[in-house]
Amino acid sequence: MKQARCIALALAFTLPAANGASVDEAKRDIVNVYDFDPSTMSFDEQAKRAPALSDLWSRFDKSPDTYRDALRTLLGQNGGRDMLYCDGGMLFLQKATQPTDKQLGLKSIRKCSLSEIQHTPYFYTMHSQALAGVDTLELQFKMLTKPKYQIFIPMHSLTLGQDYAFVYPLLVQDEARYTNRLIEKTKTEKDATALNTLLLALYYAALPEAEAAIHSIHQTKTFPAEVQERAKLIEGRIGEARKTDAGKVHEWIKRNEVAIAPNATERELRDGRRKRMRAISDEALMELDVYTLLIYQARKK
């Protein structure tokens, strides 16, 4: 009994030191995994690093307290690799257990310059944070700096380019929350791909001010010709939505067993669309266009 008690006391006294060593080991592990610069590498070279990043997330899951403590320290310091602040910040944010952790994770992600290898996890982070009620728009604007931004959803064999990757997190939020900021962004954005993405976001916002902005872009010659043409096409799309026979739309809804009430109000349609876009799939995207068409029809009444 006396020997057992001595062993227990020895363990009690050595436990804090052991925990400290474990955190130090986790810090070294994290730094080693993120010790590369994607901007100097080809996509194939970046892709070869992906398994090491996934393995790190797995080790976090096995020792969450230890790795969380290690990341708290590393993300709070300056001078780290971009991958640490971006991928490490996303990992930390996803595993956050308290408000200060979320704040630190978001602050870290703001330092991210977005390499190709980070596109898909960044998209998932934006979508999950938008679902949690976080204002993600400023972080989403980073996507607009990457004309070839692209993500892949293996479960649905679904690829999203910059346009829908940017729009998706907005679709689970109140449109009035971000529409005016999108409009302001169109006034300063110069890249044609980014402007076309903003036009798509304004189309799905389906608010009077968004529609007015689309019309203004169509008419304003200071915008690139391809952007003006895209605005014209979107205006035509809105017009066609309002002309579409509602009976045929509801026949399609019934035939495809889509859960949209036949005489839903605009508010009910917007709420239903936000709920549907919590899922990331080709089926959800198909229903998105039906919801949006019905929203435009409801707005003409």
C-alpha atoms as a PDB file:
ATOM      1  CA  MET A   1       0.000   0.000   0.000  1.00  0.00           C
ATOM      2  CA  LYS A   2       2.831   2.387   0.952  1.00  0.00           C
ATOM      3  CA  GLN A   3       4.648   1.607  -2.323  1.00  0.00           C
ATOM      4  CA  ALA A   4       1.482   2.235  -4.386  1.00  0.00           C
ATOM      5  CA  ARG A   5       0.966   5.544  -2.581  1.00  0.00           C
ATOM      6  CA  CYS A   6       4.569   6.577  -3.383  1.00  0.00           C
ATOM      7  CA  ILE A   7       4.101   5.715  -7.054  1.00  0.00           C
ATOM      8  CA  ALA A   8       0.874   7.749  -7.153  1.00  0.00           C
ATOM      9  CA  LEU A   9       2.608  10.734  -5.548  1.00  0.00           C
ATOM     10  CA  ALA A  10       5.499  10.432  -7.999  1.00  0.00           C
ATOM     11  CA  LEU A  11       3.090  10.419 -10.918  1.00  0.00           C
ATOM     12  CA  ALA A  12       1.235  13.422  -9.511  1.00  0.00           C
ATOM     13  CA  PHE A  13       4.450  15.420  -9.245  1.00  0.00           C
ATOM     14  CA  THR A  14       5.726  14.421 -12.695  1.00  0.00           C
ATOM     15  CA  LEU A  15       2.416  14.874 -14.563  1.00  0.00           C
ATOM     16  CA  PRO A  16       2.639  18.662 -15.100  1.00  0.00           C
ATOM     17  CA  ALA A  17       6.159  18.287 -16.478  1.00  0.00           C
ATOM     18  CA  ALA A  18       5.023  15.503 -18.778  1.00  0.00           C
ATOM     19  CA  ASN A  19       2.126  17.618 -19.990  1.00  0.00           C
ATOM     20  CA  GLY A  20       4.487  20.525 -20.614  1.00  0.00           C
ATOM     21  CA  ALA A  21       6.787  18.289 -22.668  1.00  0.00           C
ATOM     22  CA  SER A  22       3.815  17.012 -24.669  1.00  0.00           C
ATOM     23  CA  VAL A  23       2.799  20.580 -25.564  1.00  0.00           C
ATOM     24  CA  ASP A  24       6.376  21.335 -26.587  1.00  0.00           C
ATOM     25  CA  GLU A  25       6.414  18.227 -28.755  1.00  0.00           C
ATOM     26  CA  ALA A  26       3.106  19.248 -30.310  1.00  0.00           C
ATOM     27  CA  LYS A  27       4.506  22.703 -31.069  1.00  0.00           C
ATOM     28  CA  ARG A  28       7.525  21.177 -32.776  1.00  0.00           C
ATOM     29  CA  ASP A  29       5.248  18.824 -34.710  1.00  0.00           C
ATOM     30  CA  ILE A  30       3.044  21.689 -35.900  1.00  0.00           C
ATOM     31  CA  VAL A  31       5.978  23.890 -36.909  1.00  0.00           C
ATOM     32  CA  ASN A  32       7.610  21.022 -38.825  1.00  0.00           C
ATOM     33  CA  VAL A  33       4.409  20.155 -40.715  1.00  0.00           C
ATOM     34  CA  TYR A  34       3.855  23.765 -41.790  1.00  0.00           C
ATOM     35  CA  ASP A  35       7.488  24.445 -42.640  1.00  0.00           C
ATOM     36  CA  PHE A  36       6.995  25.078 -46.363  1.00  0.00           C
ATOM     37  CA  ASP A  37       5.999  27.944 -48.652  1.00  0.00           C
ATOM     38  CA  PRO A  38       3.232  27.035 -51.157  1.00  0.00           C
ATOM     39  CA  SER A  39       3.946  30.155 -53.227  1.00  0.00           C
ATOM     40  CA  THR A  40       7.274  28.637 -54.321  1.00  0.00           C
ATOM     41  CA  MET A  41       5.780  25.243 -55.254  1.00  0.00           C
ATOM     42  CA  SER A  42       3.755  23.792 -58.118  1.00  0.00           C
ATOM     43  CA  PHE A  43       0.274  22.472 -57.396  1.00  0.00           C
ATOM     44  CA  ASP A  44       1.556  18.886 -57.621  1.00  0.00           C
ATOM     45  CA  GLU A  45       4.274  19.686 -55.090  1.00  0.00           C
ATOM     46  CA  GLN A  46       1.678  21.255 -52.817  1.00  0.00           C
ATOM     47  CA  ALA A  47      -0.619  18.243 -53.220  1.00  0.00           C
ATOM     48  CA  LYS A  48       2.132  15.929 -51.993  1.00  0.00           C
ATOM     49  CA  ARG A  49       2.027  17.860 -48.712  1.00  0.00           C
ATOM     50  CA  ALA A  50      -1.711  17.316 -48.225  1.00  0.00           C
ATOM     51  CA  PRO A  51      -1.439  13.928 -46.438  1.00  0.00           C
ATOM     52  CA  ALA A  52       0.913  15.458 -43.846  1.00  0.00           C
ATOM     53  CA  LEU A  53      -1.660  18.181 -43.156  1.00  0.00           C
ATOM     54  CA  SER A  54      -4.440  15.606 -42.800  1.00  0.00           C
ATOM     55  CA  ASP A  55      -2.279  13.532 -40.467  1.00  0.00           C
ATOM     56  CA  LEU A  56      -1.702  16.574 -38.276  1.00  0.00           C
ATOM     57  CA  TRP A  57      -5.461  17.107 -37.954  1.00  0.00           C
ATOM     58  CA  SER A  58      -5.751  13.425 -36.960  1.00  0.00           C
ATOM     59  CA  ARG A  59      -3.104  13.857 -34.258  1.00  0.00           C
ATOM     60  CA  PHE A  60      -5.020  16.889 -32.991  1.00  0.00           C
ATOM     61  CA  ASP A  61      -8.138  14.715 -32.622  1.00  0.00           C
ATOM     62  CA  LYS A  62      -6.174  12.154 -30.610  1.00  0.00           C
ATOM     63  CA  SER A  63      -4.675  14.757 -28.239  1.00  0.00           C
ATOM     64  CA  PRO A  64      -6.961  17.796 -28.562  1.00  0.00           C
ATOM     65  CA  ASP A  65      -6.029  19.557 -25.319  1.00  0.00           C
ATOM     66  CA  THR A  66      -2.309  19.276 -25.983  1.00  0.00           C
ATOM     67  CA  TYR A  67      -2.497  20.440 -29.599  1.00  0.00           C
ATOM     68  CA  ARG A  68      -4.977  23.184 -28.741  1.00  0.00           C
ATOM     69  CA  ASP A  69      -2.562  24.600 -26.157  1.00  0.00           C
ATOM     70  CA  ALA A  70       0.287  24.369 -28.668  1.00  0.00           C
ATOM     71  CA  LEU A  71      -1.681  26.204 -31.347  1.00  0.00           C
ATOM     72  CA  ARG A  72      -2.816  28.887 -28.911  1.00  0.00           C
ATOM     73  CA  THR A  73       0.839  29.749 -28.380  1.00  0.00           C
ATOM     74  CA  LEU A  74       1.961  29.465 -32.008  1.00  0.00           C
ATOM     75  CA  LEU A  75      -0.942  31.398 -33.524  1.00  0.00           C
ATOM     76  CA  GLY A  76      -0.477  34.173 -30.997  1.00  0.00           C
ATOM     77  CA  GLN A  77       3.100  34.731 -32.137  1.00  0.00           C
ATOM     78  CA  ASN A  78       4.330  36.650 -35.179  1.00  0.00           C
ATOM     79  CA  GLY A  79       6.832  35.460 -37.755  1.00  0.00           C
ATOM     80  CA  GLY A  80       5.305  32.055 -38.501  1.00  0.00           C
ATOM     81  CA  ARG A  81       4.705  30.459 -41.886  1.00  0.00           C
ATOM     82  CA  ASP A  82       1.604  31.388 -43.885  1.00  0.00           C
ATOM     83  CA  MET A  83       0.523  27.745 -43.709  1.00  0.00           C
ATOM     84  CA  LEU A  84       0.586  27.886 -39.914  1.00  0.00           C
ATOM     85  CA  TYR A  85      -1.716  30.895 -39.795  1.00  0.00           C
ATOM     86  CA  CYS A  86      -4.001  29.637 -42.562  1.00  0.00           C
ATOM     87  CA  ASP A  87      -4.323  25.865 -42.206  1.00  0.00           C
ATOM     88  CA  GLY A  88      -3.415  25.927 -38.507  1.00  0.00           C
ATOM     89  CA  GLY A  89      -5.901  28.753 -37.962  1.00  0.00           C
ATOM     90  CA  MET A  90      -8.642  26.800 -39.716  1.00  0.00           C
ATOM     91  CA  LEU A  91      -7.850  23.709 -37.642  1.00  0.00           C
ATOM     92  CA  PHE A  92      -7.864  25.744 -34.438  1.00  0.00           C
ATOM     93  CA  LEU A  93     -11.117  27.499 -35.371  1.00  0.00           C
ATOM     94  CA  GLN A  94     -12.856  24.228 -36.196  1.00  0.00           C
ATOM     95  CA  LYS A  95     -11.803  22.724 -32.857  1.00  0.00           C
ATOM     96  CA  ALA A  96     -12.421  25.886 -30.798  1.00  0.00           C
ATOM     97  CA  THR A  97     -13.948  25.318 -27.365  1.00  0.00           C
ATOM     98  CA  GLN A  98     -14.296  28.928 -26.189  1.00  0.00           C
ATOM     99  CA  PRO A  99     -14.965  32.380 -27.702  1.00  0.00           C
ATOM    100  CA  THR A 100     -11.363  33.546 -27.346  1.00  0.00           C
ATOM    101  CA  ASP A 101     -10.240  30.515 -29.371  1.00  0.00           C
ATOM    102  CA  LYS A 102     -12.633  31.482 -32.170  1.00  0.00           C
ATOM    103  CA  GLN A 103     -11.364  35.048 -32.145  1.00  0.00           C
ATOM    104  CA  LEU A 104      -7.755  33.852 -32.316  1.00  0.00           C
ATOM    105  CA  GLY A 105      -8.589  31.431 -35.141  1.00  0.00           C
ATOM    106  CA  LEU A 106     -10.311  34.148 -37.198  1.00  0.00           C
ATOM    107  CA  LYS A 107      -7.477  36.599 -36.556  1.00  0.00           C
ATOM    108  CA  SER A 108      -4.998  33.981 -37.728  1.00  0.00           C
ATOM    109  CA  ILE A 109      -6.929  33.182 -40.915  1.00  0.00           C
ATOM    110  CA  ARG A 110      -6.962  36.869 -41.857  1.00  0.00           C
ATOM    111  CA  LYS A 111      -3.194  36.547 -42.418  1.00  0.00           C
ATOM    112  CA  CYS A 112      -3.754  33.820 -45.004  1.00  0.00           C
ATOM    113  CA  SER A 113      -2.781  34.425 -48.640  1.00  0.00           C
ATOM    114  CA  LEU A 114      -4.570  31.274 -49.926  1.00  0.00           C
ATOM    115  CA  SER A 115      -2.511  28.786 -51.894  1.00  0.00           C
ATOM    116  CA  GLU A 116      -4.244  26.195 -54.091  1.00  0.00           C
ATOM    117  CA  ILE A 117      -3.878  23.514 -51.443  1.00  0.00           C
ATOM    118  CA  GLN A 118      -5.911  25.647 -49.045  1.00  0.00           C
ATOM    119  CA  HIS A 119      -8.892  26.313 -51.331  1.00  0.00           C
ATOM    120  CA  THR A 120     -11.184  23.470 -50.252  1.00  0.00           C
ATOM    121  CA  PRO A 121     -10.587  23.656 -46.466  1.00  0.00           C
ATOM    122  CA  TYR A 122     -10.942  27.447 -46.640  1.00  0.00           C
ATOM    123  CA  PHE A 123     -14.315  27.079 -48.366  1.00  0.00           C
ATOM    124  CA  TYR A 124     -15.541  24.580 -45.767  1.00  0.00           C
ATOM    125  CA  THR A 125     -14.376  26.933 -43.000  1.00  0.00           C
ATOM    126  CA  MET A 126     -16.265  29.873 -44.500  1.00  0.00           C
ATOM    127  CA  HIS A 127     -19.433  27.811 -44.894  1.00  0.00           C
ATOM    128  CA  SER A 128     -19.324  26.360 -41.384  1.00  0.00           C
ATOM    129  CA  GLN A 129     -18.617  29.750 -39.818  1.00  0.00           C
ATOM    130  CA  ALA A 130     -21.447  31.369 -41.780  1.00  0.00           C
ATOM    131  CA  LEU A 131     -23.743  28.628 -40.460  1.00  0.00           C
ATOM    132  CA  ALA A 132     -22.567  29.518 -36.949  1.00  0.00           C
ATOM    133  CA  GLY A 133     -23.582  33.153 -37.498  1.00  0.00           C
ATOM    134  CA  VAL A 134     -20.096  34.557 -38.083  1.00  0.00           C
ATOM    135  CA  ASP A 135     -19.801  37.459 -40.540  1.00  0.00           C
ATOM    136  CA  THR A 136     -17.521  35.816 -43.109  1.00  0.00           C
ATOM    137  CA  LEU A 137     -17.662  38.331 -45.965  1.00  0.00           C
ATOM    138  CA  GLU A 138     -14.288  40.034 -45.447  1.00  0.00           C
ATOM    139  CA  LEU A 139     -12.628  36.620 -45.300  1.00  0.00           C
ATOM    140  CA  GLN A 140     -14.543  35.507 -48.389  1.00  0.00           C
ATOM    141  CA  PHE A 141     -13.199  38.491 -50.318  1.00  0.00           C
ATOM    142  CA  LYS A 142      -9.828  36.682 -50.245  1.00  0.00           C
ATOM    143  CA  MET A 143     -11.340  34.207 -52.721  1.00  0.00           C
ATOM    144  CA  LEU A 144     -11.718  37.043 -55.225  1.00  0.00           C
ATOM    145  CA  THR A 145      -7.938  37.454 -55.345  1.00  0.00           C
ATOM    146  CA  LYS A 146      -7.694  33.971 -56.887  1.00  0.00           C
ATOM    147  CA  PRO A 147      -9.282  33.868 -60.384  1.00  0.00           C
ATOM    148  CA  LYS A 148      -8.670  30.105 -60.546  1.00  0.00           C
ATOM    149  CA  TYR A 149     -10.080  29.417 -57.081  1.00  0.00           C
ATOM    150  CA  GLN A 150     -11.590  25.932 -57.197  1.00  0.00           C
ATOM    151  CA  ILE A 151     -12.778  23.315 -54.745  1.00  0.00           C
ATOM    152  CA  PHE A 152     -13.823  19.684 -55.051  1.00  0.00           C
ATOM    153  CA  ILE A 153     -16.499  17.896 -53.004  1.00  0.00           C
ATOM    154  CA  PRO A 154     -15.644  14.161 -53.355  1.00  0.00           C
ATOM    155  CA  MET A 155     -18.908  12.863 -51.892  1.00  0.00           C
ATOM    156  CA  HIS A 156     -20.883  14.468 -54.728  1.00  0.00           C
ATOM    157  CA  SER A 157     -18.130  14.604 -57.375  1.00  0.00           C
ATOM    158  CA  LEU A 158     -18.863  18.324 -57.345  1.00  0.00           C
ATOM    159  CA  THR A 159     -16.409  21.008 -58.442  1.00  0.00           C
ATOM    160  CA  LEU A 160     -17.066  24.660 -57.628  1.00  0.00           C
ATOM    161  CA  GLY A 161     -15.177  27.544 -59.195  1.00  0.00           C
ATOM    162  CA  GLN A 162     -14.572  30.916 -57.606  1.00  0.00           C
ATOM    163  CA  ASP A 163     -18.143  32.069 -58.301  1.00  0.00           C
ATOM    164  CA  TYR A 164     -20.103  29.388 -56.435  1.00  0.00           C
ATOM    165  CA  ALA A 165     -17.418  28.832 -53.805  1.00  0.00           C
ATOM    166  CA  PHE A 166     -17.785  32.531 -52.944  1.00  0.00           C
ATOM    167  CA  VAL A 167     -21.577  32.584 -53.107  1.00  0.00           C
ATOM    168  CA  TYR A 168     -22.292  29.406 -51.114  1.00  0.00           C
ATOM    169  CA  PRO A 169     -21.515  30.744 -47.595  1.00  0.00           C
ATOM    170  CA  LEU A 170     -23.640  33.825 -48.330  1.00  0.00           C
ATOM    171  CA  LEU A 171     -26.663  31.680 -49.132  1.00  0.00           C
ATOM    172  CA  VAL A 172     -27.123  30.612 -45.498  1.00  0.00           C
ATOM    173  CA  GLN A 173     -27.149  34.235 -44.299  1.00  0.00           C
ATOM    174  CA  ASP A 174     -29.654  37.103 -44.335  1.00  0.00           C
ATOM    175  CA  GLU A 175     -29.219  38.806 -47.701  1.00  0.00           C
ATOM    176  CA  ALA A 176     -29.661  42.289 -46.210  1.00  0.00           C
ATOM    177  CA  ARG A 177     -26.580  41.628 -44.094  1.00  0.00           C
ATOM    178  CA  TYR A 178     -24.135  41.648 -46.980  1.00  0.00           C
ATOM    179  CA  THR A 179     -25.750  43.042 -50.166  1.00  0.00           C
ATOM    180  CA  ASN A 180     -24.669  46.685 -49.764  1.00  0.00           C
ATOM    181  CA  ARG A 181     -21.113  45.548 -49.028  1.00  0.00           C
ATOM    182  CA  LEU A 182     -21.111  43.507 -52.232  1.00  0.00           C
ATOM    183  CA  ILE A 183     -22.257  46.579 -54.135  1.00  0.00           C
ATOM    184  CA  GLU A 184     -19.467  48.671 -52.611  1.00  0.00           C
ATOM    185  CA  LYS A 185     -16.964  45.972 -53.559  1.00  0.00           C
ATOM    186  CA  THR A 186     -18.022  46.190 -57.227  1.00  0.00           C
ATOM    187  CA  LYS A 187     -16.978  49.860 -57.182  1.00  0.00           C
ATOM    188  CA  THR A 188     -13.369  49.089 -56.269  1.00  0.00           C
ATOM    189  CA  GLU A 189     -12.797  45.628 -57.755  1.00  0.00           C
ATOM    190  CA  LYS A 190     -10.847  45.601 -61.048  1.00  0.00           C
ATOM    191  CA  ASP A 191     -10.563  41.896 -61.872  1.00  0.00           C
ATOM    192  CA  ALA A 192     -13.188  40.709 -64.377  1.00  0.00           C
ATOM    193  CA  THR A 193     -13.489  37.222 -62.857  1.00  0.00           C
ATOM    194  CA  ALA A 194     -14.079  38.686 -59.401  1.00  0.00           C
ATOM    195  CA  LEU A 195     -16.639  41.158 -60.760  1.00  0.00           C
ATOM    196  CA  ASN A 196     -18.550  38.337 -62.459  1.00  0.00           C
ATOM    197  CA  THR A 197     -18.552  36.466 -59.145  1.00  0.00           C
ATOM    198  CA  LEU A 198     -19.947  39.542 -57.386  1.00  0.00           C
ATOM    199  CA  LEU A 199     -22.657  39.811 -60.047  1.00  0.00           C
ATOM    200  CA  LEU A 200     -23.699  36.219 -59.358  1.00  0.00           C
ATOM    201  CA  ALA A 201     -23.834  36.949 -55.625  1.00  0.00           C
ATOM    202  CA  LEU A 202     -26.022  39.993 -56.296  1.00  0.00           C
ATOM    203  CA  TYR A 203     -28.320  37.897 -58.488  1.00  0.00           C
ATOM    204  CA  TYR A 204     -28.861  35.382 -55.696  1.00  0.00           C
ATOM    205  CA  ALA A 205     -29.359  38.159 -53.135  1.00  0.00           C
ATOM    206  CA  ALA A 206     -32.509  39.024 -55.120  1.00  0.00           C
ATOM    207  CA  LEU A 207     -33.070  42.382 -53.414  1.00  0.00           C
ATOM    208  CA  PRO A 208     -34.118  45.641 -55.151  1.00  0.00           C
ATOM    209  CA  GLU A 209     -30.753  47.295 -54.425  1.00  0.00           C
ATOM    210  CA  ALA A 210     -28.900  44.254 -55.816  1.00  0.00           C
ATOM    211  CA  GLU A 211     -30.981  44.333 -58.988  1.00  0.00           C
ATOM    212  CA  ALA A 212     -30.343  48.064 -59.370  1.00  0.00           C
ATOM    213  CA  ALA A 213     -26.598  47.467 -59.016  1.00  0.00           C
ATOM    214  CA  ILE A 214     -26.666  44.758 -61.705  1.00  0.00           C
ATOM    215  CA  HIS A 215     -28.457  47.176 -64.052  1.00  0.00           C
ATOM    216  CA  SER A 216     -25.937  49.930 -63.269  1.00  0.00           C
ATOM    217  CA  ILE A 217     -22.999  47.639 -64.083  1.00  0.00           C
ATOM    218  CA  HIS A 218     -24.668  46.687 -67.364  1.00  0.00           C
ATOM    219  CA  GLN A 219     -24.969  50.370 -68.288  1.00  0.00           C
ATOM    220  CA  THR A 220     -21.584  51.620 -67.017  1.00  0.00           C
ATOM    221  CA  LYS A 221     -18.860  51.559 -69.674  1.00  0.00           C
ATOM    222  CA  THR A 222     -16.032  51.803 -67.154  1.00  0.00           C
ATOM    223  CA  PHE A 223     -16.563  48.116 -66.375  1.00  0.00           C
ATOM    224  CA  PRO A 224     -14.868  45.523 -68.622  1.00  0.00           C
ATOM    225  CA  ALA A 225     -16.999  44.591 -71.638  1.00  0.00           C
ATOM    226  CA  GLU A 226     -17.278  40.969 -70.502  1.00  0.00           C
ATOM    227  CA  VAL A 227     -18.585  42.107 -67.113  1.00  0.00           C
ATOM    228  CA  GLN A 228     -21.161  44.383 -68.734  1.00  0.00           C
ATOM    229  CA  GLU A 229     -22.247  41.468 -70.924  1.00  0.00           C
ATOM    230  CA  ARG A 230     -22.548  39.213 -67.855  1.00  0.00           C
ATOM    231  CA  ALA A 231     -24.693  41.857 -66.128  1.00  0.00           C
ATOM    232  CA  LYS A 232     -26.910  42.033 -69.217  1.00  0.00           C
ATOM    233  CA  LEU A 233     -27.335  38.248 -69.228  1.00  0.00           C
ATOM    234  CA  ILE A 234     -28.223  38.248 -65.521  1.00  0.00           C
ATOM    235  CA  GLU A 235     -30.811  40.991 -66.087  1.00  0.00           C
ATOM    236  CA  GLY A 236     -32.285  38.799 -68.819  1.00  0.00           C
ATOM    237  CA  ARG A 237     -32.274  35.847 -66.444  1.00  0.00           C
ATOM    238  CA  ILE A 238     -34.220  37.859 -63.870  1.00  0.00           C
ATOM    239  CA  GLY A 239     -36.732  38.909 -66.528  1.00  0.00           C
ATOM    240  CA  GLU A 240     -37.203  35.305 -67.636  1.00  0.00           C
ATOM    241  CA  ALA A 241     -37.692  34.216 -64.028  1.00  0.00           C
ATOM    242  CA  ARG A 242     -40.580  36.645 -63.684  1.00  0.00           C
ATOM    243  CA  LYS A 243     -42.157  35.415 -66.922  1.00  0.00           C
ATOM    244  CA  THR A 244     -41.849  31.707 -66.123  1.00  0.00           C
ATOM    245  CA  ASP A 245     -45.158  29.947 -65.666  1.00  0.00           C
ATOM    246  CA  ALA A 246     -45.497  29.287 -61.927  1.00  0.00           C
ATOM    247  CA  GLY A 247     -47.663  26.235 -62.594  1.00  0.00           C
ATOM    248  CA  LYS A 248     -44.882  24.546 -64.563  1.00  0.00           C
ATOM    249  CA  VAL A 249     -42.405  25.344 -61.794  1.00  0.00           C
ATOM    250  CA  HIS A 250     -44.613  23.717 -59.200  1.00  0.00           C
ATOM    251  CA  GLU A 251     -45.148  20.694 -61.455  1.00  0.00           C
ATOM    252  CA  TRP A 252     -41.361  20.292 -61.515  1.00  0.00           C
ATOM    253  CA  ILE A 253     -41.230  20.706 -57.711  1.00  0.00           C
ATOM    254  CA  LYS A 254     -43.872  18.001 -57.228  1.00  0.00           C
ATOM    255  CA  ARG A 255     -42.299  15.658 -59.775  1.00  0.00           C
ATOM    256  CA  ASN A 256     -38.870  15.930 -58.135  1.00  0.00           C
ATOM    257  CA  GLU A 257     -40.297  15.786 -54.592  1.00  0.00           C
ATOM    258  CA  VAL A 258     -38.700  19.082 -53.607  1.00  0.00           C
ATOM    259  CA  ALA A 259     -39.929  20.483 -50.283  1.00  0.00           C
ATOM    260  CA  ILE A 260     -41.144  23.899 -51.460  1.00  0.00           C
ATOM    261  CA  ALA A 261     -44.704  24.910 -50.556  1.00  0.00           C
ATOM    262  CA  PRO A 262     -46.800  25.881 -53.640  1.00  0.00           C
ATOM    263  CA  ASN A 263     -47.872  29.286 -52.307  1.00  0.00           C
ATOM    264  CA  ALA A 264     -44.888  30.175 -50.117  1.00  0.00           C
ATOM    265  CA  THR A 265     -44.281  33.837 -49.360  1.00  0.00           C
ATOM    266  CA  GLU A 266     -41.017  35.559 -50.223  1.00  0.00           C
ATOM    267  CA  ARG A 267     -39.910  35.321 -46.602  1.00  0.00           C
ATOM    268  CA  GLU A 268     -40.735  31.606 -46.476  1.00  0.00           C
ATOM    269  CA  LEU A 269     -38.837  31.048 -49.722  1.00  0.00           C
ATOM    270  CA  ARG A 270     -35.764  32.866 -48.421  1.00  0.00           C
ATOM    271  CA  ASP A 271     -35.875  30.930 -45.152  1.00  0.00           C
ATOM    272  CA  GLY A 272     -36.304  27.661 -47.052  1.00  0.00           C
ATOM    273  CA  ARG A 273     -33.412  28.488 -49.357  1.00  0.00           C
ATOM    274  CA  ARG A 274     -31.083  29.255 -46.429  1.00  0.00           C
ATOM    275  CA  LYS A 275     -32.014  25.961 -44.812  1.00  0.00           C
ATOM    276  CA  ARG A 276     -31.460  24.011 -48.047  1.00  0.00           C
ATOM    277  CA  MET A 277     -28.064  25.587 -48.671  1.00  0.00           C
ATOM    278  CA  ARG A 278     -26.754  24.277 -45.384  1.00  0.00           C
ATOM    279  CA  ALA A 279     -25.999  21.187 -47.470  1.00  0.00           C
ATOM    280  CA  ILE A 280     -23.238  21.262 -50.077  1.00  0.00           C
ATOM    281  CA  SER A 281     -24.350  19.193 -53.060  1.00  0.00           C
ATOM    282  CA  ASP A 282     -25.386  19.347 -56.700  1.00  0.00           C
ATOM    283  CA  GLU A 283     -28.986  18.666 -55.618  1.00  0.00           C
ATOM    284  CA  ALA A 284     -28.909  21.702 -53.345  1.00  0.00           C
ATOM    285  CA  LEU A 285     -27.570  23.843 -56.193  1.00  0.00           C
ATOM    286  CA  MET A 286     -30.375  22.666 -58.457  1.00  0.00           C
ATOM    287  CA  GLU A 287     -32.967  23.612 -55.841  1.00  0.00           C
ATOM    288  CA  LEU A 288     -31.191  26.921 -55.258  1.00  0.00           C
ATOM    289  CA  ASP A 289     -32.155  28.077 -58.744  1.00  0.00           C
ATOM    290  CA  VAL A 290     -35.774  27.034 -58.236  1.00  0.00           C
ATOM    291  CA  TYR A 291     -35.972  28.895 -54.922  1.00  0.00           C
ATOM    292  CA  THR A 292     -34.377  31.966 -56.511  1.00  0.00           C
ATOM    293  CA  LEU A 293     -36.757  31.926 -59.473  1.00  0.00           C
ATOM    294  CA  LEU A 294     -39.724  31.789 -57.080  1.00  0.00           C
ATOM    295  CA  ILE A 295     -38.260  34.614 -54.974  1.00  0.00           C
ATOM    296  CA  TYR A 296     -38.115  36.835 -58.061  1.00  0.00           C
ATOM    297  CA  GLN A 297     -41.681  35.868 -58.922  1.00  0.00           C
ATOM    298  CA  ALA A 298     -42.830  36.649 -55.362  1.00  0.00           C
ATOM    299  CA  ARG A 299     -41.086  40.036 -55.510  1.00  0.00           C
ATOM    300  CA  LYS A 300     -42.997  41.132 -58.624  1.00  0.00           C
ATOM    301  CA  LYS A 301     -46.337  40.921 -56.773  1.00  0.00           C
END
